[in-house]
Every structure is written in C-alpha cells, then in structure tokens.
Protein backbone atom coordinates (compact mmCIF):
# COMPACT_ATOMS: atom_id res chain seq x y z
CA MET A 1 -75.83 -81.39 15.86
CA VAL A 2 -77.90 -79.02 17.98
CA ALA A 3 -78.38 -81.70 20.62
CA ALA A 4 -74.66 -82.52 20.56
CA GLY A 5 -73.80 -78.84 21.02
CA GLY A 6 -76.25 -78.55 23.89
CA ILE A 7 -74.89 -81.63 25.62
CA ILE A 8 -71.30 -80.45 25.19
CA PHE A 9 -72.21 -77.03 26.59
CA PHE A 10 -74.20 -78.55 29.46
CA LEU A 11 -71.31 -80.79 30.50
CA ALA A 12 -68.21 -78.75 29.62
CA MET A 13 -69.09 -75.40 31.12
CA PRO A 14 -69.79 -76.52 34.72
CA LEU A 15 -66.82 -78.91 34.55
CA GLY A 16 -64.60 -76.12 33.28
CA ALA A 17 -65.80 -73.78 36.01
CA TRP A 18 -65.09 -76.42 38.65
CA VAL A 19 -61.61 -77.11 37.24
CA HIS A 20 -61.01 -73.35 37.10
CA GLY A 21 -61.69 -73.19 40.83
CA VAL A 22 -59.03 -75.84 41.41
CA ALA A 23 -56.42 -74.80 38.82
CA ASP A 24 -56.71 -71.49 36.97
CA GLY A 25 -54.82 -72.38 33.81
CA ALA A 26 -56.36 -75.79 33.25
CA GLY A 27 -59.86 -74.47 33.88
CA LEU A 28 -59.51 -71.72 31.30
CA VAL A 29 -58.15 -74.15 28.72
CA LEU A 30 -61.02 -76.55 29.39
CA LEU A 31 -63.55 -73.70 29.09
CA LEU A 32 -62.03 -72.60 25.78
CA ILE A 33 -62.06 -76.16 24.43
CA GLY A 34 -65.68 -76.59 25.56
CA ALA A 35 -66.74 -73.31 23.95
CA GLY A 36 -64.95 -74.25 20.74
CA ALA A 37 -66.50 -77.72 20.62
CA THR A 38 -69.95 -76.23 21.26
CA SER A 39 -69.45 -73.66 18.49
CA PHE A 40 -68.19 -76.35 16.14
CA ALA A 41 -71.24 -78.53 16.76
CA MET A 42 -73.72 -75.65 16.48
CA GLY A 43 -71.97 -74.25 13.42
CA GLY A 44 -72.47 -77.53 11.59
CA VAL A 45 -76.24 -77.13 11.59
CA PHE A 46 -76.51 -74.55 8.80
CA PRO A 47 -74.48 -76.50 6.20
CA LEU A 48 -76.54 -79.58 7.02
CA LEU A 49 -79.75 -77.61 6.49
CA CYS A 50 -78.46 -76.36 3.16
CA ALA A 51 -77.51 -79.87 2.05
CA GLU A 52 -80.82 -81.31 3.22
CA GLY A 53 -83.00 -78.44 1.99
CA VAL A 54 -81.57 -78.29 -1.52
CA ARG A 55 -82.15 -81.49 -3.47
CA ASP A 56 -81.90 -80.31 -7.08
CA ALA A 57 -78.27 -79.97 -8.16
CA ASP A 58 -79.17 -77.72 -11.11
CA ALA A 59 -80.92 -75.11 -8.96
CA SER A 60 -78.69 -75.35 -5.93
CA GLY A 61 -77.87 -71.63 -5.88
CA HIS A 62 -81.54 -70.70 -5.79
CA GLY A 63 -82.27 -73.28 -3.09
CA VAL A 64 -79.37 -72.21 -0.88
CA SER A 65 -80.39 -68.56 -1.25
CA ARG A 66 -83.86 -69.44 0.08
CA VAL A 67 -82.31 -71.20 3.08
CA ILE A 68 -80.10 -68.17 3.72
CA LEU A 69 -83.11 -65.84 3.40
CA ALA A 70 -85.03 -67.92 5.95
CA ASN A 71 -81.99 -67.81 8.25
CA VAL A 72 -81.71 -64.01 7.99
CA LEU A 73 -85.44 -63.51 8.54
CA GLY A 74 -85.40 -65.77 11.58
CA ALA A 75 -82.28 -64.14 13.00
CA THR A 76 -83.93 -60.74 12.57
CA ALA A 77 -87.41 -61.66 13.80
CA GLY A 78 -86.17 -63.40 16.95
CA PRO A 79 -84.52 -60.39 18.60
CA LEU A 80 -87.29 -58.08 17.40
CA LEU A 81 -89.97 -60.28 18.91
CA THR A 82 -88.23 -60.99 22.18
CA GLY A 83 -86.52 -57.64 22.65
CA PHE A 84 -89.05 -55.19 21.29
CA VAL A 85 -92.48 -56.78 21.50
CA LEU A 86 -92.19 -58.81 24.70
CA LEU A 87 -90.26 -56.21 26.67
C-alpha cells in the first residue's frame, strides 16, 4: 500500500501539473484525484498493520491499542528528532 501510494503520487502529481499548464480546470481535477488516490492508498496501511499485528481474536482490543501506541510514539518521535535534534 505504501509503494502503491508512492507510485500514484510520483506519477499523478507531475502529470497533473503538466495538464494544469495546458487546461486549468482539468489539471486541478486531476491533481485532486491524484491526491485523493494517494491518501486512500497510504491510509490503508494502518488498518492492515492492525489486522496483521493482532492475531488473537480474544485480546484484539489490547493488541490494537499497542499498535496505536506505537503509531503515536513514532508520529511524535519523528518530528522531535528531525525538527528539534537535527536542526
């Protein structure tokens, strides 16, 4: 899903920018569709991780909460590391 989102973004954004140079309305529509398709593909990663990371049906709430905790920690640590420590 991440690779699909990257490929869609890599292809749709330059194509949309080129079409926008030729025809304003069609280029904006193509850019919006490309951004939506990229978001759809990238947004499908987290539910797949939850389904793959939680095997036990009886303890699914506990397993999903650990996946969400890892997601929050990663989303917090990334900007802190790149924005605060590296800069």
